[in-house]
N, C-alpha and C. Protein backbone atom coordinates (compact mmCIF):
# COMPACT_ATOMS: atom_id res chain seq x y z
N UNK A 1 0.83 -1.19 0.00
CA UNK A 1 0.00 0.00 0.00
C UNK A 1 0.87 1.25 0.00
N UNK A 2 1.97 1.23 0.80
CA UNK A 2 2.83 2.42 0.83
C UNK A 2 3.51 2.66 -0.50
N UNK A 3 3.83 1.57 -1.23
CA UNK A 3 4.43 1.73 -2.55
C UNK A 3 3.50 2.45 -3.51
N UNK A 4 2.21 2.15 -3.39
CA UNK A 4 1.21 2.80 -4.23
C UNK A 4 1.21 4.31 -3.99
N UNK A 5 1.19 4.72 -2.72
CA UNK A 5 1.16 6.15 -2.40
C UNK A 5 2.46 6.84 -2.79
N UNK A 6 3.57 6.14 -2.69
CA UNK A 6 4.85 6.73 -3.08
C UNK A 6 4.87 7.00 -4.59
N UNK A 7 4.34 6.05 -5.39
CA UNK A 7 4.30 6.25 -6.84
C UNK A 7 3.40 7.43 -7.19
N UNK A 8 2.23 7.53 -6.54
CA UNK A 8 1.32 8.64 -6.82
C UNK A 8 1.94 9.96 -6.39
N UNK A 9 2.62 9.97 -5.25
CA UNK A 9 3.27 11.20 -4.78
C UNK A 9 4.36 11.62 -5.76
N UNK A 10 5.08 10.66 -6.31
CA UNK A 10 6.11 10.98 -7.30
C UNK A 10 5.48 11.57 -8.56
N UNK A 11 4.34 11.02 -8.98
CA UNK A 11 3.65 11.53 -10.16
C UNK A 11 3.20 12.97 -9.95
N UNK A 12 2.66 13.26 -8.78
CA UNK A 12 2.22 14.63 -8.49
C UNK A 12 3.41 15.57 -8.43
N UNK A 13 4.51 15.12 -7.84
CA UNK A 13 5.71 15.97 -7.76
C UNK A 13 6.26 16.27 -9.15
N UNK A 14 6.29 15.26 -10.03
CA UNK A 14 6.78 15.46 -11.40
C UNK A 14 5.87 16.43 -12.14
N UNK A 15 4.57 16.26 -11.97
CA UNK A 15 3.62 17.16 -12.65
C UNK A 15 3.78 18.60 -12.16
N UNK A 16 3.93 18.79 -10.85
CA UNK A 16 4.10 20.14 -10.31
C UNK A 16 5.40 20.76 -10.81
N UNK A 17 6.46 19.96 -10.86
CA UNK A 17 7.73 20.46 -11.37
C UNK A 17 7.62 20.84 -12.84
N UNK A 18 6.93 20.01 -13.62
CA UNK A 18 6.75 20.32 -15.04
C UNK A 18 6.00 21.62 -15.23
N UNK A 19 4.96 21.83 -14.44
CA UNK A 19 4.20 23.08 -14.53
C UNK A 19 5.06 24.27 -14.15
N UNK A 20 5.84 24.13 -13.09
CA UNK A 20 6.69 25.24 -12.66
C UNK A 20 7.73 25.57 -13.72
N UNK A 21 8.34 24.54 -14.31
CA UNK A 21 9.36 24.77 -15.34
C UNK A 21 8.76 25.33 -16.62
N UNK A 22 7.52 24.95 -16.90
CA UNK A 22 6.87 25.42 -18.12
C UNK A 22 6.30 26.83 -17.95
N UNK A 23 6.35 27.37 -16.76
CA UNK A 23 5.84 28.72 -16.54
C UNK A 23 4.34 28.73 -16.39
N UNK A 24 3.77 27.63 -15.96
CA UNK A 24 2.32 27.53 -15.81
C UNK A 24 1.81 28.38 -14.68
N UNK A 25 0.54 28.57 -14.66
CA UNK A 25 -0.08 29.35 -13.60
C UNK A 25 -1.55 29.09 -13.57
N UNK A 26 -2.22 29.87 -12.79
CA UNK A 26 -3.67 29.75 -12.69
C UNK A 26 -4.28 30.91 -13.43
N UNK A 27 -5.26 30.60 -14.25
CA UNK A 27 -5.92 31.64 -15.02
C UNK A 27 -7.39 31.70 -14.62
N UNK A 28 -7.91 32.89 -14.60
CA UNK A 28 -9.33 33.08 -14.31
C UNK A 28 -9.99 33.68 -15.55
N UNK A 29 -11.06 33.08 -15.97
CA UNK A 29 -11.75 33.56 -17.16
C UNK A 29 -13.01 34.31 -16.74
N UNK A 30 -13.42 35.24 -17.58
CA UNK A 30 -14.64 35.99 -17.35
C UNK A 30 -15.84 35.06 -17.43
N UNK A 31 -16.74 35.09 -16.46
CA UNK A 31 -17.92 34.24 -16.53
C UNK A 31 -18.77 34.57 -17.76
N UNK A 32 -19.38 33.55 -18.32
CA UNK A 32 -20.22 33.76 -19.49
C UNK A 32 -21.67 33.46 -19.16
N UNK A 33 -22.56 34.03 -19.94
CA UNK A 33 -23.97 33.78 -19.73
C UNK A 33 -24.65 33.25 -20.97
N UNK A 34 -24.07 33.49 -22.14
CA UNK A 34 -24.70 33.07 -23.39
C UNK A 34 -24.62 31.57 -23.60
N UNK A 35 -25.67 31.00 -24.21
CA UNK A 35 -25.71 29.56 -24.45
C UNK A 35 -24.62 29.13 -25.42
N UNK A 36 -24.34 29.95 -26.42
CA UNK A 36 -23.31 29.61 -27.40
C UNK A 36 -21.95 29.56 -26.73
N UNK A 37 -21.65 30.57 -25.91
CA UNK A 37 -20.36 30.58 -25.22
C UNK A 37 -20.27 29.44 -24.23
N UNK A 38 -21.34 29.11 -23.56
CA UNK A 38 -21.32 28.03 -22.59
C UNK A 38 -21.01 26.71 -23.27
N UNK A 39 -21.60 26.45 -24.42
CA UNK A 39 -21.33 25.22 -25.15
C UNK A 39 -19.87 25.17 -25.59
N UNK A 40 -19.32 26.28 -26.03
CA UNK A 40 -17.94 26.31 -26.49
C UNK A 40 -16.97 26.16 -25.31
N UNK A 41 -17.34 26.71 -24.16
CA UNK A 41 -16.44 26.69 -23.02
C UNK A 41 -16.45 25.36 -22.28
N UNK A 42 -17.62 24.87 -21.92
CA UNK A 42 -17.64 23.76 -21.02
C UNK A 42 -17.88 22.49 -21.73
N UNK A 43 -17.87 22.67 -22.92
CA UNK A 43 -18.59 21.78 -23.72
C UNK A 43 -18.09 20.40 -23.97
N UNK A 44 -18.64 19.96 -25.02
CA UNK A 44 -18.44 18.60 -25.44
C UNK A 44 -17.18 18.50 -26.30
N UNK A 45 -16.59 17.32 -26.26
CA UNK A 45 -15.49 17.05 -27.16
C UNK A 45 -16.07 16.86 -28.57
N UNK A 46 -15.30 17.19 -29.59
CA UNK A 46 -15.79 16.94 -30.94
C UNK A 46 -15.94 15.43 -31.16
N UNK A 47 -16.79 15.06 -32.09
CA UNK A 47 -17.02 13.65 -32.38
C UNK A 47 -15.73 12.97 -32.81
N UNK A 48 -15.59 11.73 -32.42
CA UNK A 48 -14.42 10.95 -32.82
C UNK A 48 -14.60 10.58 -34.29
N UNK A 49 -13.60 10.89 -35.08
CA UNK A 49 -13.68 10.61 -36.52
C UNK A 49 -13.07 9.25 -36.84
N UNK A 50 -13.39 8.74 -38.01
CA UNK A 50 -12.82 7.47 -38.45
C UNK A 50 -11.30 7.58 -38.58
N UNK A 51 -10.83 8.73 -39.06
CA UNK A 51 -9.38 8.95 -39.18
C UNK A 51 -8.71 8.95 -37.82
N UNK A 52 -9.36 9.56 -36.82
CA UNK A 52 -8.82 9.59 -35.47
C UNK A 52 -8.73 8.18 -34.89
N UNK A 53 -9.79 7.39 -35.06
CA UNK A 53 -9.77 6.01 -34.56
C UNK A 53 -8.70 5.18 -35.25
N UNK A 54 -8.54 5.38 -36.56
CA UNK A 54 -7.51 4.65 -37.31
C UNK A 54 -6.12 5.03 -36.80
N UNK A 55 -5.91 6.33 -36.57
CA UNK A 55 -4.63 6.80 -36.04
C UNK A 55 -4.37 6.24 -34.64
N UNK A 56 -5.40 6.21 -33.80
CA UNK A 56 -5.25 5.69 -32.44
C UNK A 56 -4.86 4.22 -32.46
N UNK A 57 -5.51 3.42 -33.32
CA UNK A 57 -5.18 2.01 -33.41
C UNK A 57 -3.76 1.80 -33.91
N UNK A 58 -3.35 2.60 -34.90
CA UNK A 58 -1.99 2.47 -35.43
C UNK A 58 -0.95 2.86 -34.37
N UNK A 59 -1.23 3.91 -33.60
CA UNK A 59 -0.30 4.35 -32.56
C UNK A 59 -0.20 3.30 -31.46
N UNK A 60 -1.33 2.72 -31.07
CA UNK A 60 -1.31 1.65 -30.06
C UNK A 60 -0.56 0.43 -30.57
N UNK A 61 -0.76 0.08 -31.83
CA UNK A 61 -0.10 -1.09 -32.40
C UNK A 61 1.42 -0.90 -32.44
N UNK A 62 1.83 0.34 -32.71
CA UNK A 62 3.26 0.65 -32.76
C UNK A 62 3.87 0.58 -31.37
N UNK A 63 3.09 0.92 -30.36
CA UNK A 63 3.56 0.85 -28.97
C UNK A 63 4.49 1.98 -28.63
N UNK A 64 5.11 1.85 -27.47
CA UNK A 64 6.02 2.88 -26.97
C UNK A 64 7.41 2.72 -27.56
N UNK A 65 8.04 3.84 -27.80
CA UNK A 65 9.44 3.82 -28.22
C UNK A 65 10.29 4.14 -26.99
N UNK A 66 11.56 4.05 -27.13
CA UNK A 66 12.44 4.38 -26.01
C UNK A 66 12.35 5.88 -25.77
N UNK A 67 12.31 6.29 -24.55
CA UNK A 67 12.20 7.71 -24.21
C UNK A 67 11.59 7.86 -22.84
N UNK A 68 10.83 8.92 -22.65
CA UNK A 68 10.26 9.20 -21.34
C UNK A 68 9.26 8.13 -20.92
N UNK A 69 8.70 7.38 -21.88
CA UNK A 69 7.72 6.37 -21.54
C UNK A 69 8.31 5.30 -20.62
N UNK A 70 9.62 5.08 -20.68
CA UNK A 70 10.25 4.06 -19.87
C UNK A 70 10.09 4.35 -18.38
N UNK A 71 9.92 5.59 -18.00
CA UNK A 71 9.76 5.94 -16.59
C UNK A 71 8.30 6.20 -16.24
N UNK A 72 7.38 5.85 -17.12
CA UNK A 72 5.97 5.90 -16.79
C UNK A 72 5.23 7.18 -17.11
N UNK A 73 5.82 8.07 -17.90
CA UNK A 73 5.07 9.26 -18.27
C UNK A 73 5.41 9.69 -19.69
N UNK A 74 4.50 10.48 -20.25
CA UNK A 74 4.68 11.07 -21.56
C UNK A 74 4.77 12.58 -21.39
N UNK A 75 5.58 13.23 -22.18
CA UNK A 75 5.66 14.68 -22.18
C UNK A 75 5.63 15.15 -23.64
N UNK A 76 4.79 16.13 -23.91
CA UNK A 76 4.61 16.62 -25.27
C UNK A 76 4.49 18.13 -25.26
N UNK A 77 5.07 18.77 -26.26
CA UNK A 77 4.91 20.21 -26.47
C UNK A 77 4.27 20.38 -27.85
N UNK A 78 3.14 21.11 -27.88
CA UNK A 78 2.37 21.25 -29.11
C UNK A 78 2.27 22.73 -29.48
N UNK A 79 2.51 23.05 -30.74
CA UNK A 79 2.34 24.41 -31.25
C UNK A 79 0.85 24.73 -31.38
N UNK A 80 0.52 26.00 -31.41
CA UNK A 80 -0.87 26.42 -31.52
C UNK A 80 -1.56 25.92 -32.78
N UNK A 81 -0.79 25.69 -33.84
CA UNK A 81 -1.39 25.22 -35.10
C UNK A 81 -1.61 23.70 -35.11
N UNK A 82 -1.29 23.03 -34.00
CA UNK A 82 -1.55 21.60 -33.90
C UNK A 82 -0.39 20.71 -34.30
N UNK A 83 0.76 21.29 -34.61
CA UNK A 83 1.92 20.47 -34.92
C UNK A 83 2.70 20.20 -33.64
N UNK A 84 3.32 19.04 -33.57
CA UNK A 84 4.10 18.68 -32.39
C UNK A 84 5.46 19.35 -32.47
N UNK A 85 5.82 20.11 -31.44
CA UNK A 85 7.12 20.76 -31.39
C UNK A 85 8.19 19.76 -30.96
N UNK A 86 7.86 18.96 -29.96
CA UNK A 86 8.77 17.90 -29.49
C UNK A 86 8.00 17.02 -28.51
N UNK A 87 8.59 15.87 -28.24
CA UNK A 87 7.99 14.98 -27.26
C UNK A 87 7.31 13.78 -27.88
N UNK A 88 6.42 13.20 -27.11
CA UNK A 88 5.78 11.94 -27.45
C UNK A 88 4.41 12.15 -28.08
N UNK A 89 3.94 11.13 -28.76
CA UNK A 89 2.56 11.11 -29.22
C UNK A 89 2.33 11.65 -30.61
N UNK A 90 1.08 11.45 -31.05
CA UNK A 90 0.59 11.93 -32.34
C UNK A 90 -0.47 12.98 -32.04
N UNK A 91 -0.38 14.14 -32.69
CA UNK A 91 -1.30 15.25 -32.41
C UNK A 91 -2.31 15.37 -33.55
N UNK A 92 -3.59 15.52 -33.18
CA UNK A 92 -4.66 15.78 -34.14
C UNK A 92 -5.34 17.07 -33.70
N UNK A 93 -5.50 18.00 -34.63
CA UNK A 93 -6.19 19.27 -34.33
C UNK A 93 -7.59 19.20 -34.92
N UNK A 94 -8.60 19.47 -34.09
CA UNK A 94 -9.99 19.39 -34.53
C UNK A 94 -10.55 20.73 -34.96
N UNK A 95 -10.38 21.74 -34.15
CA UNK A 95 -10.94 23.05 -34.42
C UNK A 95 -10.17 24.07 -33.62
N UNK A 96 -10.73 25.26 -33.50
CA UNK A 96 -10.04 26.31 -32.77
C UNK A 96 -9.84 25.87 -31.33
N UNK A 97 -8.59 25.73 -30.92
CA UNK A 97 -8.25 25.37 -29.56
C UNK A 97 -8.60 23.95 -29.15
N UNK A 98 -8.84 23.05 -30.09
CA UNK A 98 -9.21 21.67 -29.77
C UNK A 98 -8.19 20.70 -30.35
N UNK A 99 -7.58 19.91 -29.47
CA UNK A 99 -6.51 19.01 -29.86
C UNK A 99 -6.70 17.64 -29.23
N UNK A 100 -6.19 16.63 -29.90
CA UNK A 100 -6.11 15.29 -29.33
C UNK A 100 -4.66 14.85 -29.46
N UNK A 101 -4.12 14.25 -28.40
CA UNK A 101 -2.77 13.68 -28.44
C UNK A 101 -2.92 12.20 -28.13
N UNK A 102 -2.39 11.36 -29.03
CA UNK A 102 -2.48 9.91 -28.88
C UNK A 102 -1.10 9.34 -28.56
N UNK A 103 -1.09 8.35 -27.66
CA UNK A 103 0.16 7.75 -27.21
C UNK A 103 0.18 6.26 -27.54
N UNK A 104 1.32 5.62 -27.32
CA UNK A 104 1.51 4.22 -27.66
C UNK A 104 1.00 3.23 -26.64
N UNK A 105 0.30 3.69 -25.61
CA UNK A 105 -0.26 2.78 -24.63
C UNK A 105 -1.54 3.39 -24.05
N UNK A 106 -2.27 2.59 -23.32
CA UNK A 106 -3.52 3.01 -22.71
C UNK A 106 -3.22 4.02 -21.59
N UNK A 107 -3.85 5.18 -21.65
CA UNK A 107 -3.66 6.22 -20.63
C UNK A 107 -4.97 6.56 -19.92
N UNK A 108 -5.96 5.67 -20.04
CA UNK A 108 -7.27 5.92 -19.48
C UNK A 108 -7.21 6.19 -17.98
N UNK A 109 -6.39 5.48 -17.26
CA UNK A 109 -6.31 5.65 -15.81
C UNK A 109 -5.15 6.56 -15.41
N UNK A 110 -4.67 7.34 -16.35
CA UNK A 110 -3.53 8.21 -16.09
C UNK A 110 -3.91 9.53 -15.43
N UNK A 111 -2.89 10.32 -15.16
CA UNK A 111 -3.04 11.67 -14.63
C UNK A 111 -2.59 12.62 -15.73
N UNK A 112 -3.41 13.63 -16.06
CA UNK A 112 -3.12 14.54 -17.16
C UNK A 112 -2.92 15.95 -16.62
N UNK A 113 -1.86 16.61 -17.11
CA UNK A 113 -1.60 18.00 -16.73
C UNK A 113 -1.24 18.76 -18.01
N UNK A 114 -1.93 19.87 -18.28
CA UNK A 114 -1.63 20.69 -19.45
C UNK A 114 -1.55 22.15 -19.01
N UNK A 115 -0.66 22.89 -19.64
CA UNK A 115 -0.53 24.31 -19.36
C UNK A 115 -0.14 25.04 -20.64
N UNK A 116 -0.56 26.27 -20.75
CA UNK A 116 -0.16 27.09 -21.89
C UNK A 116 1.35 27.30 -21.80
N UNK A 117 2.04 27.11 -22.90
CA UNK A 117 3.49 27.29 -22.89
C UNK A 117 4.05 27.29 -24.30
N UNK A 118 5.01 28.14 -24.53
CA UNK A 118 5.65 28.22 -25.84
C UNK A 118 6.60 27.05 -26.04
N UNK A 119 6.85 26.69 -27.30
CA UNK A 119 7.78 25.60 -27.57
C UNK A 119 9.25 26.04 -27.52
N UNK A 120 9.50 27.34 -27.41
CA UNK A 120 10.87 27.83 -27.38
C UNK A 120 11.13 28.55 -26.06
N UNK A 121 12.35 29.03 -25.90
CA UNK A 121 12.72 29.71 -24.66
C UNK A 121 12.67 31.23 -24.81
N UNK A 122 11.98 31.70 -25.84
CA UNK A 122 11.97 33.12 -26.17
C UNK A 122 11.28 33.99 -25.13
N UNK A 123 10.04 33.71 -24.92
CA UNK A 123 9.22 34.69 -24.21
C UNK A 123 8.21 34.01 -23.31
N UNK A 124 7.55 34.81 -22.51
CA UNK A 124 6.45 34.32 -21.70
C UNK A 124 5.24 34.17 -22.62
N UNK A 125 4.51 33.06 -22.51
CA UNK A 125 3.37 32.85 -23.41
C UNK A 125 2.23 33.81 -23.12
N UNK A 126 1.37 33.97 -24.11
CA UNK A 126 0.18 34.80 -23.94
C UNK A 126 -0.70 34.18 -22.85
N UNK A 127 -1.48 35.03 -22.18
CA UNK A 127 -2.36 34.53 -21.12
C UNK A 127 -3.42 33.62 -21.68
N UNK A 128 -3.85 32.69 -20.89
CA UNK A 128 -4.89 31.77 -21.32
C UNK A 128 -4.97 30.59 -20.39
N UNK A 129 -5.67 29.58 -20.83
CA UNK A 129 -5.82 28.38 -20.02
C UNK A 129 -5.90 27.15 -20.91
N UNK A 130 -5.53 26.03 -20.34
CA UNK A 130 -5.62 24.75 -21.04
C UNK A 130 -6.37 23.79 -20.13
N UNK A 131 -7.33 23.08 -20.69
CA UNK A 131 -8.05 22.06 -19.94
C UNK A 131 -7.82 20.72 -20.64
N UNK A 132 -7.83 19.66 -19.88
CA UNK A 132 -7.48 18.35 -20.42
C UNK A 132 -8.42 17.29 -19.85
N UNK A 133 -8.71 16.29 -20.67
CA UNK A 133 -9.57 15.18 -20.26
C UNK A 133 -9.22 13.95 -21.07
N UNK A 134 -9.63 12.80 -20.59
CA UNK A 134 -9.47 11.57 -21.36
C UNK A 134 -10.27 11.72 -22.66
N UNK A 135 -9.75 11.22 -23.75
CA UNK A 135 -10.45 11.32 -25.04
C UNK A 135 -11.51 10.24 -25.13
N UNK A 136 -12.69 10.64 -25.54
CA UNK A 136 -13.80 9.71 -25.69
C UNK A 136 -13.46 8.60 -26.68
N UNK A 137 -13.79 7.38 -26.36
CA UNK A 137 -13.65 6.21 -27.22
C UNK A 137 -12.23 5.96 -27.70
N UNK A 138 -11.24 6.56 -27.05
CA UNK A 138 -9.85 6.41 -27.47
C UNK A 138 -8.99 6.19 -26.23
N UNK A 139 -8.72 4.93 -25.86
CA UNK A 139 -8.02 4.65 -24.61
C UNK A 139 -6.58 5.17 -24.55
N UNK A 140 -5.99 5.45 -25.68
CA UNK A 140 -4.63 5.98 -25.71
C UNK A 140 -4.60 7.47 -26.03
N UNK A 141 -5.75 8.15 -25.93
CA UNK A 141 -5.83 9.56 -26.31
C UNK A 141 -6.21 10.48 -25.17
N UNK A 142 -5.74 11.72 -25.28
CA UNK A 142 -6.05 12.78 -24.33
C UNK A 142 -6.57 13.96 -25.14
N UNK A 143 -7.65 14.60 -24.65
CA UNK A 143 -8.24 15.76 -25.31
C UNK A 143 -7.84 17.02 -24.57
N UNK A 144 -7.38 18.02 -25.31
CA UNK A 144 -6.95 19.30 -24.73
C UNK A 144 -7.71 20.42 -25.41
N UNK A 145 -8.19 21.38 -24.62
CA UNK A 145 -8.81 22.58 -25.19
C UNK A 145 -8.09 23.78 -24.61
N UNK A 146 -7.71 24.72 -25.48
CA UNK A 146 -7.04 25.94 -25.03
C UNK A 146 -7.94 27.14 -25.25
N UNK A 147 -7.85 28.10 -24.33
CA UNK A 147 -8.66 29.31 -24.40
C UNK A 147 -7.79 30.52 -24.08
N UNK A 148 -8.18 31.67 -24.63
CA UNK A 148 -7.44 32.89 -24.32
C UNK A 148 -7.88 33.42 -22.96
N UNK A 149 -7.35 34.58 -22.56
CA UNK A 149 -7.62 35.10 -21.22
C UNK A 149 -9.06 35.56 -21.03
N UNK A 150 -9.83 35.69 -22.11
CA UNK A 150 -11.25 36.05 -21.96
C UNK A 150 -12.13 34.80 -21.89
N UNK A 151 -11.53 33.62 -22.05
CA UNK A 151 -12.28 32.38 -21.99
C UNK A 151 -12.78 31.86 -23.32
N UNK A 152 -12.44 32.54 -24.41
CA UNK A 152 -12.86 32.09 -25.74
C UNK A 152 -11.86 31.08 -26.29
N UNK A 153 -12.33 30.04 -26.99
CA UNK A 153 -11.41 29.09 -27.60
C UNK A 153 -10.38 29.80 -28.48
N UNK A 154 -9.12 29.40 -28.35
CA UNK A 154 -8.03 30.01 -29.12
C UNK A 154 -6.94 28.97 -29.36
N UNK A 155 -6.27 29.10 -30.50
CA UNK A 155 -5.15 28.21 -30.83
C UNK A 155 -3.92 28.69 -30.07
N UNK A 156 -3.61 28.04 -28.96
CA UNK A 156 -2.47 28.41 -28.13
C UNK A 156 -1.54 27.21 -27.97
N UNK A 157 -0.23 27.45 -27.94
CA UNK A 157 0.70 26.34 -27.72
C UNK A 157 0.59 25.86 -26.28
N UNK A 158 0.85 24.56 -26.07
CA UNK A 158 0.75 24.03 -24.71
C UNK A 158 1.75 22.92 -24.47
N UNK A 159 1.96 22.65 -23.19
CA UNK A 159 2.78 21.54 -22.74
C UNK A 159 1.85 20.54 -22.06
N UNK A 160 2.05 19.26 -22.35
CA UNK A 160 1.20 18.21 -21.80
C UNK A 160 2.06 17.17 -21.12
N UNK A 161 1.67 16.79 -19.91
CA UNK A 161 2.34 15.72 -19.17
C UNK A 161 1.29 14.69 -18.80
N UNK A 162 1.54 13.42 -19.14
CA UNK A 162 0.62 12.34 -18.82
C UNK A 162 1.39 11.29 -18.04
N UNK A 163 0.94 11.00 -16.85
CA UNK A 163 1.53 9.92 -16.04
C UNK A 163 0.60 8.74 -16.12
N UNK A 164 1.10 7.62 -16.63
CA UNK A 164 0.24 6.44 -16.81
C UNK A 164 0.09 5.66 -15.54
């Protein structure tokens, strides 16, 4: 039992360190009242496409390569346009601020942490927020949505850490 708690504590410590190094923070968005904004903000993940399912199956079949996966976590940096800057996984961009990252193993029971962050060491990223959830019908996928500082969906670069 103590080994279980030690592993979870290590995962939380790694996630907190990753956020601190990535320059993450807490963002507060303006509350919305409109039905359209509410659907965009809290909303539903986009439908899983046939291409997404095919990509997920191919990524799972390929499995993990040597890298950060050997220590039980994935780390990925994604540009705002949906291209992978570095790290693990396959990135699919659905719409404004909507991304899916697929990995070589099942991450359904994992811990996900995402934060707005640039792929380079140039500057502090624009204000905003990133939210993350398990991807529907895709056991090796994680869904990320990014928003600007007003709470509207926006294409922003982000850093993602997944502990399996």
